[in-house]
PDB file of N, CA and C in Angstrom:
ATOM      1  N   UNK A   1     -35.686  -4.621  48.220  1.00  0.00           N
ATOM      2  CA  UNK A   1     -34.288  -4.944  48.077  1.00  0.00           C
ATOM      3  C   UNK A   1     -33.998  -5.598  46.728  1.00  0.00           C
ATOM      4  N   UNK A   2     -34.890  -6.446  46.244  1.00  0.00           N
ATOM      5  CA  UNK A   2     -34.707  -7.121  44.969  1.00  0.00           C
ATOM      6  C   UNK A   2     -34.687  -6.110  43.831  1.00  0.00           C
ATOM      7  N   UNK A   3     -35.529  -5.063  43.922  1.00  0.00           N
ATOM      8  CA  UNK A   3     -35.577  -4.047  42.877  1.00  0.00           C
ATOM      9  C   UNK A   3     -34.272  -3.274  42.802  1.00  0.00           C
ATOM     10  N   UNK A   4     -33.680  -3.033  43.949  1.00  0.00           N
ATOM     11  CA  UNK A   4     -32.403  -2.314  43.986  1.00  0.00           C
ATOM     12  C   UNK A   4     -31.325  -3.153  43.305  1.00  0.00           C
ATOM     13  N   UNK A   5     -31.282  -4.442  43.594  1.00  0.00           N
ATOM     14  CA  UNK A   5     -30.300  -5.325  42.967  1.00  0.00           C
ATOM     15  C   UNK A   5     -30.540  -5.436  41.466  1.00  0.00           C
ATOM     16  N   UNK A   6     -31.820  -5.506  41.061  1.00  0.00           N
ATOM     17  CA  UNK A   6     -32.126  -5.595  39.633  1.00  0.00           C
ATOM     18  C   UNK A   6     -31.658  -4.348  38.905  1.00  0.00           C
ATOM     19  N   UNK A   7     -31.894  -3.195  39.477  1.00  0.00           N
ATOM     20  CA  UNK A   7     -31.432  -1.950  38.863  1.00  0.00           C
ATOM     21  C   UNK A   7     -29.910  -1.944  38.749  1.00  0.00           C
ATOM     22  N   UNK A   8     -29.267  -2.404  39.809  1.00  0.00           N
ATOM     23  CA  UNK A   8     -27.806  -2.460  39.815  1.00  0.00           C
ATOM     24  C   UNK A   8     -27.317  -3.414  38.722  1.00  0.00           C
ATOM     25  N   UNK A   9     -27.926  -4.577  38.604  1.00  0.00           N
ATOM     26  CA  UNK A   9     -27.527  -5.554  37.591  1.00  0.00           C
ATOM     27  C   UNK A   9     -27.790  -5.018  36.185  1.00  0.00           C
ATOM     28  N   UNK A  10     -28.939  -4.364  36.024  1.00  0.00           N
ATOM     29  CA  UNK A  10     -29.265  -3.784  34.722  1.00  0.00           C
ATOM     30  C   UNK A  10     -28.260  -2.701  34.343  1.00  0.00           C
ATOM     31  N   UNK A  11     -27.925  -1.853  35.300  1.00  0.00           N
ATOM     32  CA  UNK A  11     -26.961  -0.786  35.038  1.00  0.00           C
ATOM     33  C   UNK A  11     -25.598  -1.376  34.672  1.00  0.00           C
ATOM     34  N   UNK A  12     -25.212  -2.405  35.360  1.00  0.00           N
ATOM     35  CA  UNK A  12     -23.926  -3.062  35.058  1.00  0.00           C
ATOM     36  C   UNK A  12     -23.959  -3.702  33.679  1.00  0.00           C
ATOM     37  N   UNK A  13     -25.070  -4.320  33.315  1.00  0.00           N
ATOM     38  CA  UNK A  13     -25.198  -4.930  31.993  1.00  0.00           C
ATOM     39  C   UNK A  13     -25.100  -3.865  30.897  1.00  0.00           C
ATOM     40  N   UNK A  14     -25.742  -2.731  31.100  1.00  0.00           N
ATOM     41  CA  UNK A  14     -25.684  -1.633  30.129  1.00  0.00           C
ATOM     42  C   UNK A  14     -24.252  -1.119  30.014  1.00  0.00           C
ATOM     43  N   UNK A  15     -23.588  -0.937  31.154  1.00  0.00           N
ATOM     44  CA  UNK A  15     -22.208  -0.441  31.149  1.00  0.00           C
ATOM     45  C   UNK A  15     -21.289  -1.407  30.404  1.00  0.00           C
ATOM     46  N   UNK A  16     -21.446  -2.698  30.651  1.00  0.00           N
ATOM     47  CA  UNK A  16     -20.612  -3.693  29.987  1.00  0.00           C
ATOM     48  C   UNK A  16     -20.876  -3.721  28.479  1.00  0.00           C
ATOM     49  N   UNK A  17     -22.133  -3.583  28.072  1.00  0.00           N
ATOM     50  CA  UNK A  17     -22.480  -3.548  26.659  1.00  0.00           C
ATOM     51  C   UNK A  17     -21.838  -2.336  25.981  1.00  0.00           C
ATOM     52  N   UNK A  18     -21.928  -1.180  26.619  1.00  0.00           N
ATOM     53  CA  UNK A  18     -21.333   0.029  26.065  1.00  0.00           C
ATOM     54  C   UNK A  18     -19.817  -0.115  25.946  1.00  0.00           C
ATOM     55  N   UNK A  19     -19.209  -0.720  26.936  1.00  0.00           N
ATOM     56  CA  UNK A  19     -17.767  -0.927  26.910  1.00  0.00           C
ATOM     57  C   UNK A  19     -17.378  -1.839  25.739  1.00  0.00           C
ATOM     58  N   UNK A  20     -18.154  -2.902  25.516  1.00  0.00           N
ATOM     59  CA  UNK A  20     -17.892  -3.800  24.397  1.00  0.00           C
ATOM     60  C   UNK A  20     -18.024  -3.072  23.060  1.00  0.00           C
ATOM     61  N   UNK A  21     -19.021  -2.190  22.974  1.00  0.00           N
ATOM     62  CA  UNK A  21     -19.221  -1.423  21.749  1.00  0.00           C
ATOM     63  C   UNK A  21     -18.035  -0.497  21.489  1.00  0.00           C
ATOM     64  N   UNK A  22     -17.574   0.176  22.523  1.00  0.00           N
ATOM     65  CA  UNK A  22     -16.428   1.080  22.382  1.00  0.00           C
ATOM     66  C   UNK A  22     -15.189   0.292  21.961  1.00  0.00           C
ATOM     67  N   UNK A  23     -14.951  -0.846  22.599  1.00  0.00           N
ATOM     68  CA  UNK A  23     -13.792  -1.669  22.253  1.00  0.00           C
ATOM     69  C   UNK A  23     -13.874  -2.153  20.808  1.00  0.00           C
ATOM     70  N   UNK A  24     -15.069  -2.514  20.363  1.00  0.00           N
ATOM     71  CA  UNK A  24     -15.257  -2.943  18.977  1.00  0.00           C
ATOM     72  C   UNK A  24     -14.962  -1.830  17.991  1.00  0.00           C
ATOM     73  N   UNK A  25     -15.429  -0.632  18.295  1.00  0.00           N
ATOM     74  CA  UNK A  25     -15.167   0.519  17.421  1.00  0.00           C
ATOM     75  C   UNK A  25     -13.689   0.868  17.400  1.00  0.00           C
ATOM     76  N   UNK A  26     -13.034   0.792  18.552  1.00  0.00           N
ATOM     77  CA  UNK A  26     -11.599   1.071  18.606  1.00  0.00           C
ATOM     78  C   UNK A  26     -10.826   0.059  17.765  1.00  0.00           C
ATOM     79  N   UNK A  27     -11.242  -1.195  17.817  1.00  0.00           N
ATOM     80  CA  UNK A  27     -10.585  -2.243  17.029  1.00  0.00           C
ATOM     81  C   UNK A  27     -10.771  -1.978  15.536  1.00  0.00           C
ATOM     82  N   UNK A  28     -11.986  -1.599  15.137  1.00  0.00           N
ATOM     83  CA  UNK A  28     -12.249  -1.296  13.731  1.00  0.00           C
ATOM     84  C   UNK A  28     -11.418  -0.112  13.257  1.00  0.00           C
ATOM     85  N   UNK A  29     -11.309   0.909  14.089  1.00  0.00           N
ATOM     86  CA  UNK A  29     -10.523   2.082  13.736  1.00  0.00           C
ATOM     87  C   UNK A  29      -9.052   1.718  13.572  1.00  0.00           C
ATOM     88  N   UNK A  30      -8.549   0.902  14.473  1.00  0.00           N
ATOM     89  CA  UNK A  30      -7.151   0.467  14.411  1.00  0.00           C
ATOM     90  C   UNK A  30      -6.890  -0.324  13.127  1.00  0.00           C
ATOM     91  N   UNK A  31      -7.795  -1.230  12.776  1.00  0.00           N
ATOM     92  CA  UNK A  31      -7.658  -2.021  11.555  1.00  0.00           C
ATOM     93  C   UNK A  31      -7.740  -1.138  10.312  1.00  0.00           C
ATOM     94  N   UNK A  32      -8.612  -0.147  10.330  1.00  0.00           N
ATOM     95  CA  UNK A  32      -8.733   0.759   9.187  1.00  0.00           C
ATOM     96  C   UNK A  32      -7.466   1.575   9.001  1.00  0.00           C
ATOM     97  N   UNK A  33      -6.890   2.046  10.103  1.00  0.00           N
ATOM     98  CA  UNK A  33      -5.638   2.807  10.008  1.00  0.00           C
ATOM     99  C   UNK A  33      -4.508   1.931   9.479  1.00  0.00           C
ATOM    100  N   UNK A  34      -4.469   0.686   9.923  1.00  0.00           N
ATOM    101  CA  UNK A  34      -3.439  -0.246   9.462  1.00  0.00           C
ATOM    102  C   UNK A  34      -3.588  -0.499   7.963  1.00  0.00           C
ATOM    103  N   UNK A  35      -4.820  -0.717   7.513  1.00  0.00           N
ATOM    104  CA  UNK A  35      -5.075  -0.962   6.095  1.00  0.00           C
ATOM    105  C   UNK A  35      -4.697   0.256   5.254  1.00  0.00           C
ATOM    106  N   UNK A  36      -4.996   1.442   5.769  1.00  0.00           N
ATOM    107  CA  UNK A  36      -4.647   2.668   5.046  1.00  0.00           C
ATOM    108  C   UNK A  36      -3.133   2.814   4.931  1.00  0.00           C
ATOM    109  N   UNK A  37      -2.441   2.525   6.007  1.00  0.00           N
ATOM    110  CA  UNK A  37      -0.981   2.620   6.015  1.00  0.00           C
ATOM    111  C   UNK A  37      -0.374   1.635   5.013  1.00  0.00           C
ATOM    112  N   UNK A  38      -0.900   0.400   4.993  1.00  0.00           N
ATOM    113  CA  UNK A  38      -0.409  -0.608   4.054  1.00  0.00           C
ATOM    114  C   UNK A  38      -0.685  -0.194   2.609  1.00  0.00           C
ATOM    115  N   UNK A  39      -1.845   0.382   2.357  1.00  0.00           N
ATOM    116  CA  UNK A  39      -2.193   0.817   1.005  1.00  0.00           C
ATOM    117  C   UNK A  39      -1.271   1.937   0.542  1.00  0.00           C
ATOM    118  N   UNK A  40      -0.954   2.865   1.438  1.00  0.00           N
ATOM    119  CA  UNK A  40      -0.033   3.951   1.083  1.00  0.00           C
ATOM    120  C   UNK A  40       1.349   3.402   0.766  1.00  0.00           C
ATOM    121  N   UNK A  41       1.817   2.454   1.574  1.00  0.00           N
ATOM    122  CA  UNK A  41       3.135   1.867   1.346  1.00  0.00           C
ATOM    123  C   UNK A  41       3.172   1.123   0.011  1.00  0.00           C
ATOM    124  N   UNK A  42       2.099   0.398  -0.290  1.00  0.00           N
ATOM    125  CA  UNK A  42       2.033  -0.333  -1.555  1.00  0.00           C
ATOM    126  C   UNK A  42       2.022   0.639  -2.737  1.00  0.00           C
ATOM    127  N   UNK A  43       1.246   1.695  -2.620  1.00  0.00           N
ATOM    128  CA  UNK A  43       1.189   2.697  -3.682  1.00  0.00           C
ATOM    129  C   UNK A  43       2.532   3.367  -3.905  1.00  0.00           C
ATOM    130  N   UNK A  44       3.224   3.649  -2.823  1.00  0.00           N
ATOM    131  CA  UNK A  44       4.542   4.278  -2.930  1.00  0.00           C
ATOM    132  C   UNK A  44       5.522   3.338  -3.625  1.00  0.00           C
ATOM    133  N   UNK A  45       5.497   2.061  -3.246  1.00  0.00           N
ATOM    134  CA  UNK A  45       6.393   1.083  -3.859  1.00  0.00           C
ATOM    135  C   UNK A  45       6.099   0.942  -5.351  1.00  0.00           C
ATOM    136  N   UNK A  46       4.821   0.896  -5.697  1.00  0.00           N
ATOM    137  CA  UNK A  46       4.456   0.791  -7.109  1.00  0.00           C
ATOM    138  C   UNK A  46       4.912   2.021  -7.879  1.00  0.00           C
ATOM    139  N   UNK A  47       4.788   3.178  -7.271  1.00  0.00           N
ATOM    140  CA  UNK A  47       5.238   4.416  -7.912  1.00  0.00           C
ATOM    141  C   UNK A  47       6.733   4.420  -8.148  1.00  0.00           C
ATOM    142  N   UNK A  48       7.490   3.919  -7.177  1.00  0.00           N
ATOM    143  CA  UNK A  48       8.940   3.854  -7.337  1.00  0.00           C
ATOM    144  C   UNK A  48       9.331   2.900  -8.461  1.00  0.00           C
ATOM    145  N   UNK A  49       8.650   1.763  -8.544  1.00  0.00           N
ATOM    146  CA  UNK A  49       8.938   0.797  -9.604  1.00  0.00           C
ATOM    147  C   UNK A  49       8.622   1.405 -10.966  1.00  0.00           C
ATOM    148  N   UNK A  50       7.470   2.045 -11.056  1.00  0.00           N
ATOM    149  CA  UNK A  50       7.072   2.658 -12.326  1.00  0.00           C
ATOM    150  C   UNK A  50       8.042   3.769 -12.719  1.00  0.00           C
ATOM    151  N   UNK A  51       8.447   4.567 -11.749  1.00  0.00           N
ATOM    152  CA  UNK A  51       9.405   5.643 -12.021  1.00  0.00           C
ATOM    153  C   UNK A  51      10.744   5.099 -12.477  1.00  0.00           C
ATOM    154  N   UNK A  52      11.189   4.006 -11.866  1.00  0.00           N
ATOM    155  CA  UNK A  52      12.446   3.381 -12.272  1.00  0.00           C
ATOM    156  C   UNK A  52      12.369   2.847 -13.689  1.00  0.00           C
ATOM    157  N   UNK A  53      11.233   2.277 -14.053  1.00  0.00           N
ATOM    158  CA  UNK A  53      11.038   1.756 -15.404  1.00  0.00           C
ATOM    159  C   UNK A  53      11.060   2.901 -16.421  1.00  0.00           C
ATOM    160  N   UNK A  54      10.374   3.991 -16.103  1.00  0.00           N
ATOM    161  CA  UNK A  54      10.361   5.143 -17.021  1.00  0.00           C
ATOM    162  C   UNK A  54      11.768   5.707 -17.200  1.00  0.00           C
ATOM    163  N   UNK A  55      12.526   5.751 -16.112  1.00  0.00           N
ATOM    164  CA  UNK A  55      13.900   6.251 -16.186  1.00  0.00           C
ATOM    165  C   UNK A  55      14.745   5.339 -17.070  1.00  0.00           C
ATOM    166  N   UNK A  56      14.552   4.023 -16.962  1.00  0.00           N
ATOM    167  CA  UNK A  56      15.290   3.078 -17.793  1.00  0.00           C
ATOM    168  C   UNK A  56      14.939   3.269 -19.265  1.00  0.00           C
ATOM    169  N   UNK A  57      13.677   3.536 -19.556  1.00  0.00           N
ATOM    170  CA  UNK A  57      13.252   3.787 -20.946  1.00  0.00           C
ATOM    171  C   UNK A  57      13.923   5.049 -21.480  1.00  0.00           C
ATOM    172  N   UNK A  58      13.922   6.109 -20.679  1.00  0.00           N
ATOM    173  CA  UNK A  58      14.561   7.368 -21.101  1.00  0.00           C
ATOM    174  C   UNK A  58      16.044   7.160 -21.366  1.00  0.00           C
ATOM    175  N   UNK A  59      16.701   6.425 -20.495  1.00  0.00           N
ATOM    176  CA  UNK A  59      18.123   6.161 -20.660  1.00  0.00           C
ATOM    177  C   UNK A  59      18.371   5.325 -21.918  1.00  0.00           C
ATOM    178  N   UNK A  60      17.539   4.334 -22.136  1.00  0.00           N
ATOM    179  CA  UNK A  60      17.676   3.491 -23.324  1.00  0.00           C
ATOM    180  C   UNK A  60      17.505   4.317 -24.597  1.00  0.00           C
ATOM    181  N   UNK A  61      16.565   5.232 -24.584  1.00  0.00           N
ATOM    182  CA  UNK A  61      16.369   6.090 -25.764  1.00  0.00           C
ATOM    183  C   UNK A  61      17.605   6.955 -26.026  1.00  0.00           C
ATOM    184  N   UNK A  62      18.183   7.490 -24.960  1.00  0.00           N
ATOM    185  CA  UNK A  62      19.399   8.294 -25.140  1.00  0.00           C
ATOM    186  C   UNK A  62      20.556   7.439 -25.675  1.00  0.00           C
ATOM    187  N   UNK A  63      20.721   6.246 -25.127  1.00  0.00           N
ATOM    188  CA  UNK A  63      21.779   5.346 -25.598  1.00  0.00           C
ATOM    189  C   UNK A  63      21.547   4.955 -27.056  1.00  0.00           C
ATOM    190  N   UNK A  64      20.296   4.739 -27.408  1.00  0.00           N
ATOM    191  CA  UNK A  64      19.955   4.371 -28.780  1.00  0.00           C
ATOM    192  C   UNK A  64      20.288   5.516 -29.735  1.00  0.00           C
ATOM    193  N   UNK A  65      19.981   6.744 -29.315  1.00  0.00           N
ATOM    194  CA  UNK A  65      20.317   7.923 -30.120  1.00  0.00           C
ATOM    195  C   UNK A  65      21.832   8.071 -30.281  1.00  0.00           C
ATOM    196  N   UNK A  66      22.584   7.607 -29.286  1.00  0.00           N
ATOM    197  CA  UNK A  66      24.045   7.681 -29.347  1.00  0.00           C
ATOM    198  C   UNK A  66      24.625   6.585 -30.244  1.00  0.00           C
ATOM    199  N   UNK A  67      23.780   5.629 -30.651  1.00  0.00           N
ATOM    200  CA  UNK A  67      24.222   4.575 -31.554  1.00  0.00           C
ATOM    201  C   UNK A  67      24.826   3.364 -30.862  1.00  0.00           C
ATOM    202  N   UNK A  68      24.581   3.197 -29.575  1.00  0.00           N
ATOM    203  CA  UNK A  68      25.105   2.031 -28.869  1.00  0.00           C
ATOM    204  C   UNK A  68      24.377   0.769 -29.311  1.00  0.00           C
ATOM    205  N   UNK A  69      25.063  -0.373 -29.295  1.00  0.00           N
ATOM    206  CA  UNK A  69      24.407  -1.640 -29.655  1.00  0.00           C
ATOM    207  C   UNK A  69      23.279  -1.983 -28.679  1.00  0.00           C
ATOM    208  N   UNK A  70      22.253  -2.632 -29.193  1.00  0.00           N
ATOM    209  CA  UNK A  70      21.081  -2.974 -28.393  1.00  0.00           C
ATOM    210  C   UNK A  70      21.446  -3.843 -27.195  1.00  0.00           C
ATOM    211  N   UNK A  71      22.354  -4.779 -27.377  1.00  0.00           N
ATOM    212  CA  UNK A  71      22.759  -5.663 -26.282  1.00  0.00           C
ATOM    213  C   UNK A  71      23.400  -4.857 -25.149  1.00  0.00           C
ATOM    214  N   UNK A  72      24.205  -3.863 -25.491  1.00  0.00           N
ATOM    215  CA  UNK A  72      24.833  -3.023 -24.457  1.00  0.00           C
ATOM    216  C   UNK A  72      23.790  -2.168 -23.737  1.00  0.00           C
ATOM    217  N   UNK A  73      22.823  -1.672 -24.492  1.00  0.00           N
ATOM    218  CA  UNK A  73      21.753  -0.872 -23.887  1.00  0.00           C
ATOM    219  C   UNK A  73      20.960  -1.734 -22.908  1.00  0.00           C
ATOM    220  N   UNK A  74      20.659  -2.967 -23.317  1.00  0.00           N
ATOM    221  CA  UNK A  74      19.915  -3.884 -22.449  1.00  0.00           C
ATOM    222  C   UNK A  74      20.713  -4.161 -21.179  1.00  0.00           C
ATOM    223  N   UNK A  75      21.980  -4.357 -21.327  1.00  0.00           N
ATOM    224  CA  UNK A  75      22.837  -4.634 -20.172  1.00  0.00           C
ATOM    225  C   UNK A  75      22.889  -3.439 -19.227  1.00  0.00           C
ATOM    226  N   UNK A  76      22.958  -2.253 -19.774  1.00  0.00           N
ATOM    227  CA  UNK A  76      23.080  -1.044 -18.970  1.00  0.00           C
ATOM    228  C   UNK A  76      21.789  -0.593 -18.309  1.00  0.00           C
ATOM    229  N   UNK A  77      20.658  -0.890 -18.920  1.00  0.00           N
ATOM    230  CA  UNK A  77      19.380  -0.401 -18.386  1.00  0.00           C
ATOM    231  C   UNK A  77      18.570  -1.468 -17.665  1.00  0.00           C
ATOM    232  N   UNK A  78      18.855  -2.725 -17.938  1.00  0.00           N
ATOM    233  CA  UNK A  78      18.064  -3.799 -17.345  1.00  0.00           C
ATOM    234  C   UNK A  78      16.806  -4.115 -18.134  1.00  0.00           C
ATOM    235  N   UNK A  79      16.633  -3.454 -19.255  1.00  0.00           N
ATOM    236  CA  UNK A  79      15.487  -3.733 -20.120  1.00  0.00           C
ATOM    237  C   UNK A  79      15.813  -4.905 -21.033  1.00  0.00           C
ATOM    238  N   UNK A  80      14.772  -5.532 -21.547  1.00  0.00           N
ATOM    239  CA  UNK A  80      15.004  -6.633 -22.478  1.00  0.00           C
ATOM    240  C   UNK A  80      15.319  -6.074 -23.863  1.00  0.00           C
ATOM    241  N   UNK A  81      15.948  -6.893 -24.670  1.00  0.00           N
ATOM    242  CA  UNK A  81      16.293  -6.476 -26.038  1.00  0.00           C
ATOM    243  C   UNK A  81      15.019  -6.167 -26.818  1.00  0.00           C
ATOM    244  N   UNK A  82      13.973  -6.953 -26.584  1.00  0.00           N
ATOM    245  CA  UNK A  82      12.702  -6.724 -27.279  1.00  0.00           C
ATOM    246  C   UNK A  82      12.114  -5.351 -26.922  1.00  0.00           C
ATOM    247  N   UNK A  83      12.199  -4.987 -25.645  1.00  0.00           N
ATOM    248  CA  UNK A  83      11.681  -3.681 -25.224  1.00  0.00           C
ATOM    249  C   UNK A  83      12.467  -2.555 -25.897  1.00  0.00           C
ATOM    250  N   UNK A  84      13.743  -2.717 -25.988  1.00  0.00           N
ATOM    251  CA  UNK A  84      14.598  -1.682 -26.580  1.00  0.00           C
ATOM    252  C   UNK A  84      14.333  -1.556 -28.067  1.00  0.00           C
ATOM    253  N   UNK A  85      14.161  -2.684 -28.740  1.00  0.00           N
ATOM    254  CA  UNK A  85      13.901  -2.647 -30.178  1.00  0.00           C
ATOM    255  C   UNK A  85      12.564  -1.991 -30.506  1.00  0.00           C
ATOM    256  N   UNK A  86      11.605  -2.033 -29.578  1.00  0.00           N
ATOM    257  CA  UNK A  86      10.296  -1.398 -29.794  1.00  0.00           C
ATOM    258  C   UNK A  86      10.348   0.112 -29.645  1.00  0.00           C
ATOM    259  N   UNK A  87      11.399   0.612 -28.993  1.00  0.00           N
ATOM    260  CA  UNK A  87      11.497   2.056 -28.768  1.00  0.00           C
ATOM    261  C   UNK A  87      11.810   2.797 -30.066  1.00  0.00           C
ATOM    262  N   UNK A  88      11.272   3.997 -30.194  1.00  0.00           N
ATOM    263  CA  UNK A  88      11.526   4.829 -31.370  1.00  0.00           C
ATOM    264  C   UNK A  88      12.489   5.924 -31.050  1.00  0.00           C
TER     265      UNK A  88
END
């Protein structure tokens, strides 16, 4: 009778260990997916900022070619006067 109980206890211990392992892997997978999602969102935001800056530079160059004053170009594009003066 003791051997039967020991086998039962051993089987239960193995089952519980396997369950803990599965739960741990599921948690790691969930965290990895969350981190990936956050990284994509951050990359997208950075891309939008960079694209907006490039667009402001292009607009400033066009305004400069039109002969607008630097202060007006800075006001219209959001760029600093120093940035505009560096443009060719």
